[in-house]
Amino acid sequence: MTRSTAPARTITALVLCGGAARRMGGVDKPLELWNGQTLVAHALSRLPTDVPVLISANRNRKRYAQLGWPVITDASANAGPLAGIEAAASQIKTPWLYVVPGDAPLLPKDLALAMQLACVTQNAIACCARVDQRQPLPMLVATAALMQLSAYLKRGERSVGGWLTQLGAIELQRPDDGRAFANFNTRADLTNPDFKN
C-alpha cells in the first residue's frame, strides 16, 4: 500500500517507541510482530510519503536504526511520551511535527495532512483527533511551539493531553472506526481478529 503524499518539507514525523510496555511484560513493544511485521514497521507505513522521520527509542537502538531513520533517546527520565518529543525538538527542520505511537499500526494514512489543513485553516498551532473522545496521540504540532515543552516538563507535568490543552490544540473530528487509533497494549491485541490491517 502507498502512503499519503505530504507537501514537501513541511512535516517531520516522530515515532515514539520508548514506552515500558508493562502490560506486555516489559518487552520492547513496537518490535513485537503483528501480521508478519513489527508494530513499528506498520506505524511507519501509515505515515505520509516523502517526510523525514525520527524514531524515539530507549532500547534496542540498533534494531530501530535498521529501519533506516535516525534514532534518538529521551532527554528526561520517566517523562513519558513528551520526553521523546523534547529530545527530538532540536532536530526538527520543518514547520510541523507529526507524532505517532510506535504501537499503533492502524492509523489513518491521511491523518497528518488532514491535521495540517485543519491547523492552517483555523490558525491553530496543534491538532489531535476526536473519535468518540479526544485522542491525544497522534498529534500534529507547530515546531515553533516545541519551545514551550521544556518549561512544561520542568514543572513536573507529564500529560500529553494537558500539554495539548495548554497549546490550545484543536480537535479534528474523524469518521474512522475507533479501532484505527488503537494502541496494541497486550498479547491479546496481537491476535484480536477485530484488528485488521
N, C-alpha and C. Protein backbone atom coordinates (compact mmCIF):
# COMPACT_ATOMS: atom_id res chain seq x y z
N MET A 1 0.84 -1.19 0.00
CA MET A 1 0.00 0.00 0.00
C MET A 1 0.88 1.25 0.00
N THR A 2 0.44 2.29 -0.71
CA THR A 2 1.19 3.53 -0.72
C THR A 2 0.76 4.41 0.44
N ARG A 3 1.70 5.24 0.87
CA ARG A 3 1.37 6.20 1.90
C ARG A 3 0.86 7.48 1.26
N SER A 4 0.10 8.26 2.02
CA SER A 4 -0.39 9.53 1.50
C SER A 4 0.78 10.48 1.29
N THR A 5 0.63 11.36 0.33
CA THR A 5 1.72 12.27 -0.02
C THR A 5 1.59 13.57 0.74
N ALA A 6 2.69 14.02 1.33
CA ALA A 6 2.70 15.27 2.08
C ALA A 6 3.37 16.36 1.27
N PRO A 7 2.96 17.62 1.45
CA PRO A 7 3.68 18.71 0.81
C PRO A 7 5.15 18.66 1.22
N ALA A 8 6.03 18.85 0.28
CA ALA A 8 7.46 18.68 0.54
C ALA A 8 7.93 19.60 1.64
N ARG A 9 8.70 19.06 2.53
CA ARG A 9 9.44 19.76 3.54
C ARG A 9 8.58 20.60 4.49
N THR A 10 7.38 20.14 4.79
CA THR A 10 6.56 20.85 5.77
C THR A 10 6.32 20.05 7.04
N ILE A 11 6.44 18.73 6.97
CA ILE A 11 6.15 17.87 8.12
C ILE A 11 7.31 16.92 8.37
N THR A 12 7.70 16.80 9.64
CA THR A 12 8.58 15.72 10.10
C THR A 12 7.73 14.79 10.95
N ALA A 13 7.94 13.50 10.82
CA ALA A 13 7.22 12.52 11.63
C ALA A 13 8.13 12.00 12.74
N LEU A 14 7.58 11.86 13.92
CA LEU A 14 8.29 11.28 15.06
C LEU A 14 7.50 10.07 15.54
N VAL A 15 8.15 8.91 15.56
CA VAL A 15 7.52 7.67 16.02
C VAL A 15 8.05 7.36 17.41
N LEU A 16 7.14 7.32 18.38
CA LEU A 16 7.52 7.12 19.78
C LEU A 16 7.58 5.64 20.12
N CYS A 17 8.77 5.17 20.49
CA CYS A 17 8.97 3.75 20.81
C CYS A 17 9.67 3.59 22.15
N GLY A 18 9.46 4.50 23.07
CA GLY A 18 10.21 4.47 24.32
C GLY A 18 9.46 3.96 25.53
N GLY A 19 8.25 3.43 25.34
CA GLY A 19 7.44 3.01 26.48
C GLY A 19 7.95 1.77 27.18
N ALA A 20 7.48 1.58 28.42
CA ALA A 20 7.92 0.44 29.24
C ALA A 20 7.14 -0.83 28.96
N ALA A 21 5.97 -0.73 28.34
CA ALA A 21 5.14 -1.89 27.97
C ALA A 21 4.89 -2.83 29.14
N ARG A 22 4.50 -2.28 30.27
CA ARG A 22 4.27 -3.09 31.47
C ARG A 22 3.17 -4.12 31.27
N ARG A 23 2.13 -3.75 30.52
CA ARG A 23 1.02 -4.69 30.31
C ARG A 23 1.37 -5.81 29.35
N MET A 24 2.56 -5.72 28.72
CA MET A 24 3.02 -6.78 27.85
C MET A 24 4.31 -7.40 28.38
N GLY A 25 4.50 -7.28 29.69
CA GLY A 25 5.63 -7.93 30.33
C GLY A 25 6.96 -7.23 30.17
N GLY A 26 6.92 -5.94 29.79
CA GLY A 26 8.15 -5.18 29.70
C GLY A 26 8.93 -5.36 28.41
N VAL A 27 8.34 -6.00 27.41
CA VAL A 27 9.03 -6.17 26.12
C VAL A 27 9.13 -4.81 25.43
N ASP A 28 9.99 -4.74 24.42
CA ASP A 28 10.06 -3.54 23.60
C ASP A 28 8.92 -3.64 22.59
N LYS A 29 7.77 -3.15 22.99
CA LYS A 29 6.51 -3.45 22.31
C LYS A 29 6.49 -3.12 20.81
N PRO A 30 7.01 -1.98 20.35
CA PRO A 30 6.95 -1.72 18.91
C PRO A 30 7.70 -2.72 18.05
N LEU A 31 8.57 -3.52 18.66
CA LEU A 31 9.29 -4.55 17.92
C LEU A 31 8.56 -5.90 17.90
N GLU A 32 7.41 -5.97 18.56
CA GLU A 32 6.61 -7.20 18.53
C GLU A 32 5.98 -7.38 17.14
N LEU A 33 5.84 -8.63 16.74
CA LEU A 33 5.31 -8.92 15.41
C LEU A 33 3.78 -8.94 15.39
N TRP A 34 3.23 -8.40 14.32
CA TRP A 34 1.79 -8.45 14.05
C TRP A 34 1.62 -8.54 12.53
N ASN A 35 0.91 -9.54 12.10
CA ASN A 35 0.71 -9.75 10.65
C ASN A 35 2.03 -9.79 9.88
N GLY A 36 3.02 -10.42 10.50
CA GLY A 36 4.28 -10.65 9.80
C GLY A 36 5.27 -9.51 9.83
N GLN A 37 4.92 -8.37 10.44
CA GLN A 37 5.83 -7.25 10.56
C GLN A 37 5.79 -6.71 11.98
N THR A 38 6.83 -5.98 12.34
CA THR A 38 6.81 -5.35 13.66
C THR A 38 5.75 -4.26 13.70
N LEU A 39 5.28 -3.96 14.90
CA LEU A 39 4.30 -2.89 15.05
C LEU A 39 4.86 -1.57 14.54
N VAL A 40 6.14 -1.31 14.81
CA VAL A 40 6.72 -0.04 14.36
C VAL A 40 6.80 0.03 12.84
N ALA A 41 7.04 -1.10 12.18
CA ALA A 41 7.05 -1.10 10.72
C ALA A 41 5.67 -0.75 10.17
N HIS A 42 4.63 -1.29 10.82
CA HIS A 42 3.27 -0.93 10.42
C HIS A 42 3.03 0.57 10.64
N ALA A 43 3.47 1.08 11.81
CA ALA A 43 3.28 2.50 12.10
C ALA A 43 3.97 3.37 11.05
N LEU A 44 5.17 2.99 10.66
CA LEU A 44 5.90 3.74 9.64
C LEU A 44 5.15 3.73 8.30
N SER A 45 4.49 2.62 8.00
CA SER A 45 3.76 2.52 6.73
C SER A 45 2.53 3.41 6.69
N ARG A 46 2.10 3.92 7.85
CA ARG A 46 0.92 4.77 7.91
C ARG A 46 1.27 6.25 7.79
N LEU A 47 2.55 6.57 7.71
CA LEU A 47 2.98 7.97 7.62
C LEU A 47 2.85 8.47 6.19
N PRO A 48 2.78 9.80 6.03
CA PRO A 48 2.82 10.34 4.67
C PRO A 48 4.15 10.00 4.00
N THR A 49 4.15 9.93 2.71
CA THR A 49 5.39 9.70 1.98
C THR A 49 6.21 10.99 1.96
N ASP A 50 7.50 10.80 1.70
CA ASP A 50 8.39 11.95 1.47
C ASP A 50 8.50 12.89 2.66
N VAL A 51 8.34 12.36 3.86
CA VAL A 51 8.60 13.18 5.05
C VAL A 51 9.79 12.60 5.79
N PRO A 52 10.64 13.46 6.37
CA PRO A 52 11.69 12.93 7.23
C PRO A 52 11.09 12.31 8.48
N VAL A 53 11.72 11.26 8.97
CA VAL A 53 11.21 10.52 10.13
C VAL A 53 12.30 10.44 11.19
N LEU A 54 11.90 10.57 12.44
CA LEU A 54 12.75 10.29 13.59
C LEU A 54 12.08 9.21 14.42
N ILE A 55 12.88 8.36 15.03
CA ILE A 55 12.36 7.32 15.92
C ILE A 55 12.91 7.57 17.32
N SER A 56 12.02 7.69 18.28
CA SER A 56 12.42 7.86 19.68
C SER A 56 12.39 6.50 20.36
N ALA A 57 13.56 6.02 20.79
CA ALA A 57 13.65 4.69 21.41
C ALA A 57 14.71 4.71 22.49
N ASN A 58 14.42 4.03 23.59
CA ASN A 58 15.36 3.94 24.70
C ASN A 58 16.07 2.59 24.78
N ARG A 59 15.59 1.62 24.00
CA ARG A 59 16.20 0.29 23.98
C ARG A 59 16.37 -0.15 22.54
N ASN A 60 17.22 -1.14 22.34
CA ASN A 60 17.37 -1.77 21.01
C ASN A 60 17.59 -0.75 19.90
N ARG A 61 18.45 0.22 20.16
CA ARG A 61 18.66 1.30 19.20
C ARG A 61 19.15 0.76 17.84
N LYS A 62 19.97 -0.27 17.86
CA LYS A 62 20.49 -0.81 16.60
C LYS A 62 19.37 -1.40 15.75
N ARG A 63 18.42 -2.08 16.40
CA ARG A 63 17.30 -2.65 15.64
C ARG A 63 16.43 -1.55 15.04
N TYR A 64 16.21 -0.50 15.80
CA TYR A 64 15.42 0.59 15.26
C TYR A 64 16.17 1.30 14.14
N ALA A 65 17.47 1.44 14.27
CA ALA A 65 18.26 2.10 13.23
C ALA A 65 18.20 1.34 11.92
N GLN A 66 17.99 0.02 11.99
CA GLN A 66 17.89 -0.78 10.77
C GLN A 66 16.66 -0.42 9.94
N LEU A 67 15.73 0.32 10.53
CA LEU A 67 14.55 0.75 9.78
C LEU A 67 14.88 1.91 8.84
N GLY A 68 16.08 2.47 8.99
CA GLY A 68 16.54 3.46 8.03
C GLY A 68 16.37 4.91 8.42
N TRP A 69 15.99 5.16 9.68
CA TRP A 69 15.78 6.54 10.12
C TRP A 69 16.61 6.82 11.36
N PRO A 70 16.95 8.09 11.65
CA PRO A 70 17.70 8.42 12.86
C PRO A 70 16.93 8.01 14.12
N VAL A 71 17.67 7.54 15.11
CA VAL A 71 17.09 7.12 16.38
C VAL A 71 17.59 8.06 17.47
N ILE A 72 16.67 8.57 18.27
CA ILE A 72 17.03 9.46 19.38
C ILE A 72 16.57 8.84 20.69
N THR A 73 17.20 9.25 21.77
CA THR A 73 16.87 8.75 23.11
C THR A 73 16.29 9.89 23.93
N ASP A 74 15.37 9.56 24.83
CA ASP A 74 14.73 10.57 25.67
C ASP A 74 15.75 11.40 26.43
N ALA A 75 15.48 12.70 26.51
CA ALA A 75 16.35 13.59 27.26
C ALA A 75 16.02 13.58 28.76
N SER A 76 14.78 13.21 29.11
CA SER A 76 14.36 13.24 30.51
C SER A 76 13.85 11.87 30.92
N ALA A 77 14.30 11.41 32.07
CA ALA A 77 13.86 10.10 32.56
C ALA A 77 12.42 10.16 33.06
N ASN A 78 11.66 9.13 32.78
CA ASN A 78 10.32 8.94 33.34
C ASN A 78 9.34 10.05 32.99
N ALA A 79 9.51 10.68 31.85
CA ALA A 79 8.61 11.76 31.46
C ALA A 79 7.59 11.32 30.43
N GLY A 80 7.59 10.04 30.07
CA GLY A 80 6.59 9.55 29.13
C GLY A 80 6.80 10.05 27.71
N PRO A 81 5.73 10.04 26.93
CA PRO A 81 5.87 10.40 25.51
C PRO A 81 6.44 11.79 25.29
N LEU A 82 6.15 12.73 26.18
CA LEU A 82 6.65 14.10 25.97
C LEU A 82 8.17 14.17 26.00
N ALA A 83 8.81 13.24 26.70
CA ALA A 83 10.27 13.24 26.73
C ALA A 83 10.84 12.95 25.35
N GLY A 84 10.19 12.05 24.63
CA GLY A 84 10.63 11.75 23.28
C GLY A 84 10.48 12.95 22.36
N ILE A 85 9.40 13.69 22.54
CA ILE A 85 9.18 14.89 21.73
C ILE A 85 10.23 15.95 22.07
N GLU A 86 10.50 16.11 23.36
CA GLU A 86 11.51 17.08 23.77
C GLU A 86 12.88 16.74 23.19
N ALA A 87 13.22 15.46 23.21
CA ALA A 87 14.51 15.04 22.68
C ALA A 87 14.64 15.30 21.19
N ALA A 88 13.52 15.23 20.49
CA ALA A 88 13.53 15.41 19.04
C ALA A 88 13.51 16.87 18.62
N ALA A 89 13.10 17.74 19.53
CA ALA A 89 12.78 19.12 19.15
C ALA A 89 13.90 19.82 18.39
N SER A 90 15.13 19.64 18.83
CA SER A 90 16.24 20.37 18.21
C SER A 90 16.57 19.86 16.81
N GLN A 91 16.03 18.69 16.45
CA GLN A 91 16.34 18.10 15.16
C GLN A 91 15.26 18.34 14.10
N ILE A 92 14.19 19.01 14.47
CA ILE A 92 13.09 19.23 13.54
C ILE A 92 13.42 20.45 12.67
N LYS A 93 13.44 20.26 11.38
CA LYS A 93 13.77 21.33 10.43
C LYS A 93 12.57 21.77 9.60
N THR A 94 11.41 21.23 9.89
CA THR A 94 10.20 21.55 9.15
C THR A 94 9.25 22.35 10.05
N PRO A 95 8.27 23.03 9.48
CA PRO A 95 7.35 23.83 10.29
C PRO A 95 6.43 23.01 11.20
N TRP A 96 6.22 21.73 10.85
CA TRP A 96 5.26 20.91 11.60
C TRP A 96 5.89 19.59 12.02
N LEU A 97 5.46 19.10 13.19
CA LEU A 97 5.88 17.79 13.69
C LEU A 97 4.64 16.93 13.89
N TYR A 98 4.64 15.76 13.28
CA TYR A 98 3.56 14.80 13.41
C TYR A 98 4.06 13.67 14.30
N VAL A 99 3.40 13.44 15.43
CA VAL A 99 3.87 12.49 16.44
C VAL A 99 2.91 11.31 16.51
N VAL A 100 3.45 10.10 16.36
CA VAL A 100 2.61 8.90 16.41
C VAL A 100 3.23 7.87 17.36
N PRO A 101 2.41 7.04 17.98
CA PRO A 101 2.94 5.94 18.80
C PRO A 101 3.46 4.81 17.92
N GLY A 102 4.52 4.18 18.36
CA GLY A 102 5.08 3.05 17.61
C GLY A 102 4.30 1.77 17.75
N ASP A 103 3.24 1.77 18.58
CA ASP A 103 2.42 0.57 18.77
C ASP A 103 1.00 0.77 18.25
N ALA A 104 0.84 1.70 17.29
CA ALA A 104 -0.48 1.97 16.71
C ALA A 104 -0.41 1.70 15.22
N PRO A 105 -0.64 0.47 14.82
CA PRO A 105 -0.37 0.08 13.43
C PRO A 105 -1.50 0.35 12.44
N LEU A 106 -2.59 0.94 12.89
CA LEU A 106 -3.77 1.09 12.02
C LEU A 106 -4.17 2.54 11.79
N LEU A 107 -3.31 3.46 12.09
CA LEU A 107 -3.66 4.88 11.98
C LEU A 107 -4.06 5.24 10.55
N PRO A 108 -5.02 6.15 10.40
CA PRO A 108 -5.41 6.58 9.05
C PRO A 108 -4.23 7.21 8.31
N LYS A 109 -4.05 6.85 7.07
CA LYS A 109 -2.89 7.34 6.33
C LYS A 109 -3.01 8.82 5.96
N ASP A 110 -4.22 9.33 5.95
CA ASP A 110 -4.40 10.74 5.58
C ASP A 110 -4.41 11.67 6.78
N LEU A 111 -4.16 11.15 7.96
CA LEU A 111 -4.38 11.92 9.18
C LEU A 111 -3.46 13.13 9.30
N ALA A 112 -2.18 12.96 9.02
CA ALA A 112 -1.24 14.08 9.17
C ALA A 112 -1.65 15.26 8.29
N LEU A 113 -1.99 14.96 7.04
CA LEU A 113 -2.35 16.04 6.13
C LEU A 113 -3.68 16.68 6.52
N ALA A 114 -4.61 15.88 7.01
CA ALA A 114 -5.89 16.44 7.47
C ALA A 114 -5.67 17.35 8.68
N MET A 115 -4.80 16.94 9.59
CA MET A 115 -4.49 17.77 10.75
C MET A 115 -3.80 19.07 10.32
N GLN A 116 -2.88 18.96 9.38
CA GLN A 116 -2.18 20.15 8.91
C GLN A 116 -3.16 21.14 8.27
N LEU A 117 -4.06 20.64 7.44
CA LEU A 117 -5.04 21.51 6.81
C LEU A 117 -5.92 22.17 7.87
N ALA A 118 -6.33 21.41 8.88
CA ALA A 118 -7.17 21.97 9.94
C ALA A 118 -6.43 23.07 10.70
N CYS A 119 -5.16 22.84 11.00
CA CYS A 119 -4.37 23.85 11.73
C CYS A 119 -4.22 25.13 10.90
N VAL A 120 -3.90 24.97 9.63
CA VAL A 120 -3.71 26.14 8.77
C VAL A 120 -5.03 26.90 8.61
N THR A 121 -6.10 26.16 8.40
CA THR A 121 -7.40 26.79 8.19
C THR A 121 -7.88 27.53 9.43
N GLN A 122 -7.62 26.93 10.61
CA GLN A 122 -8.12 27.51 11.86
C GLN A 122 -7.05 28.30 12.61
N ASN A 123 -5.90 28.49 11.99
CA ASN A 123 -4.82 29.25 12.59
C ASN A 123 -4.45 28.71 13.98
N ALA A 124 -4.32 27.37 14.05
CA ALA A 124 -4.00 26.69 15.31
C ALA A 124 -2.57 26.16 15.26
N ILE A 125 -1.96 26.00 16.43
CA ILE A 125 -0.57 25.51 16.48
C ILE A 125 -0.48 24.03 16.82
N ALA A 126 -1.60 23.40 17.09
CA ALA A 126 -1.59 21.96 17.41
C ALA A 126 -2.96 21.37 17.12
N CYS A 127 -2.95 20.08 16.83
CA CYS A 127 -4.20 19.39 16.50
C CYS A 127 -4.11 17.93 16.93
N CYS A 128 -5.19 17.41 17.45
CA CYS A 128 -5.31 15.98 17.71
C CYS A 128 -6.65 15.53 17.14
N ALA A 129 -6.91 14.26 17.18
CA ALA A 129 -8.13 13.72 16.59
C ALA A 129 -9.18 13.47 17.66
N ARG A 130 -10.41 13.46 17.23
CA ARG A 130 -11.53 13.05 18.10
C ARG A 130 -12.30 11.96 17.39
N VAL A 131 -12.36 10.80 18.02
CA VAL A 131 -13.20 9.69 17.56
C VAL A 131 -13.90 9.18 18.81
N ASP A 132 -15.13 9.61 19.00
CA ASP A 132 -15.87 9.36 20.25
C ASP A 132 -15.30 10.19 21.40
N GLN A 133 -13.99 10.18 21.56
CA GLN A 133 -13.33 11.01 22.56
C GLN A 133 -12.02 11.54 21.99
N ARG A 134 -11.41 12.46 22.70
CA ARG A 134 -10.16 13.03 22.22
C ARG A 134 -9.06 11.98 22.23
N GLN A 135 -8.25 11.98 21.18
CA GLN A 135 -7.11 11.09 21.06
C GLN A 135 -5.83 11.95 21.16
N PRO A 136 -5.18 12.03 22.31
CA PRO A 136 -4.01 12.90 22.44
C PRO A 136 -2.87 12.54 21.49
N LEU A 137 -2.74 11.27 21.20
CA LEU A 137 -1.77 10.80 20.21
C LEU A 137 -2.51 9.92 19.21
N PRO A 138 -2.23 10.15 17.92
CA PRO A 138 -1.23 11.02 17.34
C PRO A 138 -1.62 12.50 17.41
N MET A 139 -0.63 13.36 17.20
CA MET A 139 -0.88 14.79 17.19
C MET A 139 0.00 15.45 16.14
N LEU A 140 -0.42 16.63 15.73
CA LEU A 140 0.39 17.50 14.89
C LEU A 140 0.62 18.78 15.68
N VAL A 141 1.86 19.25 15.72
CA VAL A 141 2.18 20.46 16.47
C VAL A 141 3.16 21.31 15.67
N ALA A 142 2.96 22.61 15.71
CA ALA A 142 3.89 23.52 15.06
C ALA A 142 5.24 23.43 15.75
N THR A 143 6.29 23.35 14.97
CA THR A 143 7.64 23.21 15.54
C THR A 143 7.96 24.37 16.47
N ALA A 144 7.50 25.56 16.15
CA ALA A 144 7.77 26.72 17.00
C ALA A 144 7.21 26.55 18.40
N ALA A 145 6.13 25.77 18.52
CA ALA A 145 5.50 25.57 19.83
C ALA A 145 6.29 24.62 20.72
N LEU A 146 7.24 23.88 20.14
CA LEU A 146 8.02 22.94 20.95
C LEU A 146 8.87 23.64 21.99
N MET A 147 9.13 24.93 21.79
CA MET A 147 9.92 25.68 22.78
C MET A 147 9.24 25.72 24.14
N GLN A 148 7.92 25.55 24.16
CA GLN A 148 7.17 25.59 25.42
C GLN A 148 7.23 24.27 26.19
N LEU A 149 7.73 23.22 25.55
CA LEU A 149 7.63 21.90 26.15
C LEU A 149 8.57 21.73 27.33
N SER A 150 9.81 22.21 27.24
CA SER A 150 10.76 22.02 28.33
C SER A 150 10.25 22.65 29.62
N ALA A 151 9.68 23.85 29.52
CA ALA A 151 9.13 24.51 30.71
C ALA A 151 7.99 23.70 31.30
N TYR A 152 7.16 23.12 30.46
CA TYR A 152 6.04 22.29 30.92
C TYR A 152 6.57 21.08 31.69
N LEU A 153 7.61 20.42 31.16
CA LEU A 153 8.18 19.26 31.84
C LEU A 153 8.89 19.65 33.13
N LYS A 154 9.54 20.80 33.14
CA LYS A 154 10.25 21.24 34.35
C LYS A 154 9.30 21.51 35.50
N ARG A 155 8.05 21.80 35.18
CA ARG A 155 7.04 22.00 36.23
C ARG A 155 6.54 20.66 36.78
N GLY A 156 7.07 19.57 36.26
CA GLY A 156 6.64 18.26 36.71
C GLY A 156 5.43 17.73 35.97
N GLU A 157 4.98 18.41 34.93
CA GLU A 157 3.84 17.97 34.15
C GLU A 157 4.27 16.87 33.19
N ARG A 158 3.40 15.89 32.98
CA ARG A 158 3.72 14.75 32.11
C ARG A 158 2.62 14.41 31.12
N SER A 159 1.48 15.05 31.25
CA SER A 159 0.30 14.67 30.47
C SER A 159 0.36 15.24 29.05
N VAL A 160 0.25 14.35 28.07
CA VAL A 160 0.17 14.80 26.68
C VAL A 160 -1.10 15.62 26.48
N GLY A 161 -2.21 15.14 27.03
CA GLY A 161 -3.46 15.88 26.91
C GLY A 161 -3.40 17.24 27.56
N GLY A 162 -2.72 17.32 28.70
CA GLY A 162 -2.57 18.59 29.38
C GLY A 162 -1.75 19.58 28.57
N TRP A 163 -0.71 19.07 27.91
CA TRP A 163 0.11 19.94 27.06
C TRP A 163 -0.68 20.43 25.86
N LEU A 164 -1.47 19.55 25.26
CA LEU A 164 -2.32 19.95 24.14
C LEU A 164 -3.31 21.04 24.58
N THR A 165 -3.86 20.90 25.77
CA THR A 165 -4.77 21.92 26.28
C THR A 165 -4.05 23.24 26.45
N GLN A 166 -2.83 23.19 26.99
CA GLN A 166 -2.04 24.40 27.16
C GLN A 166 -1.77 25.09 25.82
N LEU A 167 -1.56 24.30 24.79
CA LEU A 167 -1.29 24.85 23.46
C LEU A 167 -2.55 25.36 22.76
N GLY A 168 -3.71 25.07 23.33
CA GLY A 168 -4.95 25.43 22.66
C GLY A 168 -5.21 24.59 21.43
N ALA A 169 -4.85 23.31 21.51
CA ALA A 169 -4.98 22.41 20.36
C ALA A 169 -6.43 22.28 19.93
N ILE A 170 -6.64 22.23 18.63
CA ILE A 170 -7.96 21.94 18.09
C ILE A 170 -8.13 20.42 17.98
N GLU A 171 -9.38 20.01 17.90
CA GLU A 171 -9.69 18.60 17.75
C GLU A 171 -10.33 18.36 16.38
N LEU A 172 -9.74 17.47 15.63
CA LEU A 172 -10.25 17.14 14.30
C LEU A 172 -11.19 15.95 14.41
N GLN A 173 -12.46 16.18 14.13
CA GLN A 173 -13.44 15.09 14.17
C GLN A 173 -13.17 14.12 13.03
N ARG A 174 -13.01 12.84 13.36
CA ARG A 174 -12.68 11.84 12.35
C ARG A 174 -13.83 10.86 12.16
N PRO A 175 -14.03 10.40 10.93
CA PRO A 175 -15.09 9.43 10.66
C PRO A 175 -14.66 7.99 10.91
N ASP A 176 -13.38 7.79 11.28
CA ASP A 176 -12.84 6.44 11.38
C ASP A 176 -13.50 5.63 12.50
N ASP A 177 -13.46 4.33 12.35
CA ASP A 177 -13.73 3.43 13.47
C ASP A 177 -12.66 3.69 14.53
N GLY A 178 -13.05 3.72 15.79
CA GLY A 178 -12.09 3.99 16.85
C GLY A 178 -10.91 3.03 16.89
N ARG A 179 -11.09 1.83 16.32
CA ARG A 179 -10.00 0.87 16.32
C ARG A 179 -8.81 1.35 15.51
N ALA A 180 -9.03 2.28 14.60
CA ALA A 180 -7.93 2.81 13.80
C ALA A 180 -6.89 3.51 14.67
N PHE A 181 -7.30 3.94 15.85
CA PHE A 181 -6.40 4.66 16.75
C PHE A 181 -5.91 3.78 17.90
N ALA A 182 -6.16 2.49 17.82
CA ALA A 182 -5.83 1.60 18.93
C ALA A 182 -4.33 1.43 19.10
N ASN A 183 -3.90 1.50 20.36
CA ASN A 183 -2.56 1.07 20.73
C ASN A 183 -2.64 -0.41 21.08
N PHE A 184 -1.67 -1.18 20.64
CA PHE A 184 -1.63 -2.59 20.98
C PHE A 184 -0.88 -2.73 22.31
N ASN A 185 -1.64 -2.95 23.37
CA ASN A 185 -1.06 -2.92 24.71
C ASN A 185 -0.87 -4.29 25.34
N THR A 186 -1.56 -5.32 24.83
CA THR A 186 -1.50 -6.64 25.44
C THR A 186 -1.24 -7.69 24.36
N ARG A 187 -0.86 -8.89 24.80
CA ARG A 187 -0.68 -10.00 23.86
C ARG A 187 -1.98 -10.32 23.13
N ALA A 188 -3.09 -10.15 23.82
CA ALA A 188 -4.38 -10.44 23.19
C ALA A 188 -4.63 -9.51 22.01
N ASP A 189 -4.15 -8.26 22.09
CA ASP A 189 -4.34 -7.34 20.97
C ASP A 189 -3.66 -7.85 19.71
N LEU A 190 -2.55 -8.54 19.87
CA LEU A 190 -1.80 -9.02 18.72
C LEU A 190 -2.54 -10.11 17.95
N THR A 191 -3.48 -10.78 18.60
CA THR A 191 -4.23 -11.85 17.95
C THR A 191 -5.72 -11.54 17.84
N ASN A 192 -6.10 -10.32 18.17
CA ASN A 192 -7.50 -9.93 18.14
C ASN A 192 -8.00 -9.84 16.70
N PRO A 193 -8.99 -10.63 16.30
CA PRO A 193 -9.47 -10.60 14.91
C PRO A 193 -10.17 -9.28 14.55
N ASP A 194 -10.53 -8.48 15.56
CA ASP A 194 -11.17 -7.19 15.26
C ASP A 194 -10.18 -6.18 14.69
N PHE A 195 -8.88 -6.42 14.90
CA PHE A 195 -7.85 -5.55 14.37
C PHE A 195 -7.41 -6.07 13.02
N LYS A 196 -7.76 -5.36 11.98
CA LYS A 196 -7.43 -5.80 10.64
C LYS A 196 -6.65 -4.72 9.93
N ASN A 197 -5.58 -5.11 9.27
CA ASN A 197 -4.74 -4.14 8.56
C ASN A 197 -5.38 -3.78 7.22
